[in-house]
Amino acid sequence: MATFGTKFQQFLNHPAGPKTIFFWAPTMKWGITAANINDFSRPVEGISYPQQMAVALTGIIWTRYSLVINPVNYNLMTVNVVMAGTGLYQLSRKIRNDYFPEIQAVVKDI
């Protein structure tokens, strides 16, 4: 059975470990995703179609890329799945507000 020390060494020396850009780039990208999650509570009028389309498409495209590169980067895949999800959710909020206001009025009355 491997000890914590050997598992930690394996993590440190992994091709996508913390000694490489393959670890730090997606780790910093979590900041963008966290900011988008924080914006869930903001008014929908402040949501930008181009910005959220860029966030969603970036997430979708880079999710696929993270699975075909070598080494496979699950940290990059995870952050991009969440990024795509937050972008699509924000777009759905904006579309519901702009094109289906009657639904919003019914929800507010309940």
C-alpha atoms as a PDB file:
ATOM      1  CA  MET A   1       0.000   0.000   0.000  1.00  0.00           C
ATOM      2  CA  ALA A   2       1.359   3.389  -0.987  1.00  0.00           C
ATOM      3  CA  THR A   3       1.972   5.917   1.738  1.00  0.00           C
ATOM      4  CA  PHE A   4       0.882   9.533   1.675  1.00  0.00           C
ATOM      5  CA  GLY A   5       4.468  10.567   0.881  1.00  0.00           C
ATOM      6  CA  THR A   6       4.705   8.414  -2.237  1.00  0.00           C
ATOM      7  CA  LYS A   7       1.245   9.458  -3.442  1.00  0.00           C
ATOM      8  CA  PHE A   8       2.189  13.097  -2.913  1.00  0.00           C
ATOM      9  CA  GLN A   9       5.450  12.553  -4.840  1.00  0.00           C
ATOM     10  CA  GLN A  10       3.476  10.996  -7.694  1.00  0.00           C
ATOM     11  CA  PHE A  11       1.158  14.015  -7.706  1.00  0.00           C
ATOM     12  CA  LEU A  12       4.079  16.453  -7.707  1.00  0.00           C
ATOM     13  CA  ASN A  13       5.874  14.650 -10.515  1.00  0.00           C
ATOM     14  CA  HIS A  14       2.826  13.944 -12.672  1.00  0.00           C
ATOM     15  CA  PRO A  15       3.052  15.322 -16.252  1.00  0.00           C
ATOM     16  CA  ALA A  16       0.063  17.576 -15.437  1.00  0.00           C
ATOM     17  CA  GLY A  17       1.151  18.209 -11.839  1.00  0.00           C
ATOM     18  CA  PRO A  18       1.885  21.455  -9.997  1.00  0.00           C
ATOM     19  CA  LYS A  19       5.370  21.750 -11.463  1.00  0.00           C
ATOM     20  CA  THR A  20       3.861  22.410 -14.896  1.00  0.00           C
ATOM     21  CA  ILE A  21       1.672  24.970 -16.640  1.00  0.00           C
ATOM     22  CA  PHE A  22      -0.832  22.154 -17.240  1.00  0.00           C
ATOM     23  CA  PHE A  23      -1.772  22.430 -13.561  1.00  0.00           C
ATOM     24  CA  TRP A  24      -1.614  26.173 -12.969  1.00  0.00           C
ATOM     25  CA  ALA A  25      -3.466  27.430 -16.055  1.00  0.00           C
ATOM     26  CA  PRO A  26      -6.708  25.585 -15.265  1.00  0.00           C
ATOM     27  CA  THR A  27      -6.313  26.339 -11.567  1.00  0.00           C
ATOM     28  CA  MET A  28      -6.274  30.075 -12.327  1.00  0.00           C
ATOM     29  CA  LYS A  29      -9.182  29.614 -14.745  1.00  0.00           C
ATOM     30  CA  TRP A  30     -11.311  28.624 -11.754  1.00  0.00           C
ATOM     31  CA  GLY A  31     -11.225  32.338 -10.860  1.00  0.00           C
ATOM     32  CA  ILE A  32     -13.166  33.217 -14.023  1.00  0.00           C
ATOM     33  CA  THR A  33     -15.655  30.467 -13.284  1.00  0.00           C
ATOM     34  CA  ALA A  34     -16.060  31.622  -9.677  1.00  0.00           C
ATOM     35  CA  ALA A  35     -16.706  35.180 -10.875  1.00  0.00           C
ATOM     36  CA  ASN A  36     -19.385  33.917 -13.243  1.00  0.00           C
ATOM     37  CA  ILE A  37     -21.006  31.924 -10.417  1.00  0.00           C
ATOM     38  CA  ASN A  38     -20.916  35.052  -8.257  1.00  0.00           C
ATOM     39  CA  ASP A  39     -22.824  36.888 -11.006  1.00  0.00           C
ATOM     40  CA  PHE A  40     -25.812  34.527 -10.610  1.00  0.00           C
ATOM     41  CA  SER A  41     -27.167  36.851  -7.941  1.00  0.00           C
ATOM     42  CA  ARG A  42     -26.791  40.009 -10.028  1.00  0.00           C
ATOM     43  CA  PRO A  43     -29.625  41.521 -12.064  1.00  0.00           C
ATOM     44  CA  VAL A  44     -30.107  39.916 -15.453  1.00  0.00           C
ATOM     45  CA  GLU A  45     -29.881  43.311 -17.178  1.00  0.00           C
ATOM     46  CA  GLY A  46     -26.141  43.291 -16.575  1.00  0.00           C
ATOM     47  CA  ILE A  47     -25.570  40.036 -18.471  1.00  0.00           C
ATOM     48  CA  SER A  48     -23.823  40.392 -21.814  1.00  0.00           C
ATOM     49  CA  TYR A  49     -24.669  38.015 -24.679  1.00  0.00           C
ATOM     50  CA  PRO A  50     -21.178  38.200 -26.264  1.00  0.00           C
ATOM     51  CA  GLN A  51     -19.402  37.672 -22.956  1.00  0.00           C
ATOM     52  CA  GLN A  52     -21.502  34.693 -21.901  1.00  0.00           C
ATOM     53  CA  MET A  53     -21.350  33.127 -25.360  1.00  0.00           C
ATOM     54  CA  ALA A  54     -17.565  33.402 -25.185  1.00  0.00           C
ATOM     55  CA  VAL A  55     -17.530  31.824 -21.718  1.00  0.00           C
ATOM     56  CA  ALA A  56     -19.827  28.965 -22.796  1.00  0.00           C
ATOM     57  CA  LEU A  57     -18.033  28.269 -26.096  1.00  0.00           C
ATOM     58  CA  THR A  58     -14.620  28.434 -24.455  1.00  0.00           C
ATOM     59  CA  GLY A  59     -15.777  25.877 -21.925  1.00  0.00           C
ATOM     60  CA  ILE A  60     -17.193  23.555 -24.578  1.00  0.00           C
ATOM     61  CA  ILE A  61     -14.194  23.761 -26.920  1.00  0.00           C
ATOM     62  CA  TRP A  62     -11.535  23.391 -24.229  1.00  0.00           C
ATOM     63  CA  THR A  63     -13.368  20.501 -22.568  1.00  0.00           C
ATOM     64  CA  ARG A  64     -12.905  18.506 -25.743  1.00  0.00           C
ATOM     65  CA  TYR A  65      -9.307  19.654 -26.147  1.00  0.00           C
ATOM     66  CA  SER A  66      -8.399  18.675 -22.583  1.00  0.00           C
ATOM     67  CA  LEU A  67      -9.319  15.071 -23.349  1.00  0.00           C
ATOM     68  CA  VAL A  68      -7.264  14.728 -26.538  1.00  0.00           C
ATOM     69  CA  ILE A  69      -4.009  16.344 -25.414  1.00  0.00           C
ATOM     70  CA  ASN A  70      -1.226  14.392 -23.811  1.00  0.00           C
ATOM     71  CA  PRO A  71      -1.189  14.279 -20.829  1.00  0.00           C
ATOM     72  CA  VAL A  72      -4.965  14.169 -20.428  1.00  0.00           C
ATOM     73  CA  ASN A  73      -5.752  17.045 -18.110  1.00  0.00           C
ATOM     74  CA  TYR A  74      -8.760  16.353 -15.887  1.00  0.00           C
ATOM     75  CA  ASN A  75      -8.325  19.626 -13.997  1.00  0.00           C
ATOM     76  CA  LEU A  76      -8.685  21.511 -17.296  1.00  0.00           C
ATOM     77  CA  MET A  77     -11.645  19.346 -18.298  1.00  0.00           C
ATOM     78  CA  THR A  78     -13.456  19.933 -14.997  1.00  0.00           C
ATOM     79  CA  VAL A  79     -13.023  23.703 -14.971  1.00  0.00           C
ATOM     80  CA  ASN A  80     -14.223  23.933 -18.563  1.00  0.00           C
ATOM     81  CA  VAL A  81     -17.306  21.774 -17.975  1.00  0.00           C
ATOM     82  CA  VAL A  82     -18.246  24.066 -15.084  1.00  0.00           C
ATOM     83  CA  MET A  83     -17.366  27.145 -17.151  1.00  0.00           C
ATOM     84  CA  ALA A  84     -19.594  25.995 -20.021  1.00  0.00           C
ATOM     85  CA  GLY A  85     -22.394  25.270 -17.568  1.00  0.00           C
ATOM     86  CA  THR A  86     -22.216  28.688 -15.931  1.00  0.00           C
ATOM     87  CA  GLY A  87     -22.099  30.446 -19.312  1.00  0.00           C
ATOM     88  CA  LEU A  88     -25.098  28.480 -20.593  1.00  0.00           C
ATOM     89  CA  TYR A  89     -27.019  29.167 -17.387  1.00  0.00           C
ATOM     90  CA  GLN A  90     -26.327  32.902 -17.655  1.00  0.00           C
ATOM     91  CA  LEU A  91     -27.404  32.859 -21.306  1.00  0.00           C
ATOM     92  CA  SER A  92     -30.624  31.078 -20.345  1.00  0.00           C
ATOM     93  CA  ARG A  93     -31.324  33.753 -17.717  1.00  0.00           C
ATOM     94  CA  LYS A  94     -30.778  36.507 -20.283  1.00  0.00           C
ATOM     95  CA  ILE A  95     -32.906  34.814 -22.969  1.00  0.00           C
ATOM     96  CA  ARG A  96     -35.773  34.172 -20.532  1.00  0.00           C
ATOM     97  CA  ASN A  97     -35.670  37.811 -19.454  1.00  0.00           C
ATOM     98  CA  ASP A  98     -35.449  39.287 -22.966  1.00  0.00           C
ATOM     99  CA  TYR A  99     -37.785  36.976 -24.905  1.00  0.00           C
ATOM    100  CA  PHE A 100     -40.141  35.458 -22.316  1.00  0.00           C
ATOM    101  CA  PRO A 101     -40.939  38.240 -19.823  1.00  0.00           C
ATOM    102  CA  GLU A 102     -44.436  36.872 -19.199  1.00  0.00           C
ATOM    103  CA  ILE A 103     -42.924  33.767 -17.583  1.00  0.00           C
ATOM    104  CA  GLN A 104     -40.895  35.983 -15.249  1.00  0.00           C
ATOM    105  CA  ALA A 105     -44.051  37.907 -14.278  1.00  0.00           C
ATOM    106  CA  VAL A 106     -45.870  34.667 -13.390  1.00  0.00           C
ATOM    107  CA  VAL A 107     -42.936  33.461 -11.306  1.00  0.00           C
ATOM    108  CA  LYS A 108     -42.814  36.762  -9.396  1.00  0.00           C
ATOM    109  CA  ASP A 109     -46.544  36.526  -8.622  1.00  0.00           C
ATOM    110  CA  ILE A 110     -46.182  33.100  -7.029  1.00  0.00           C
END
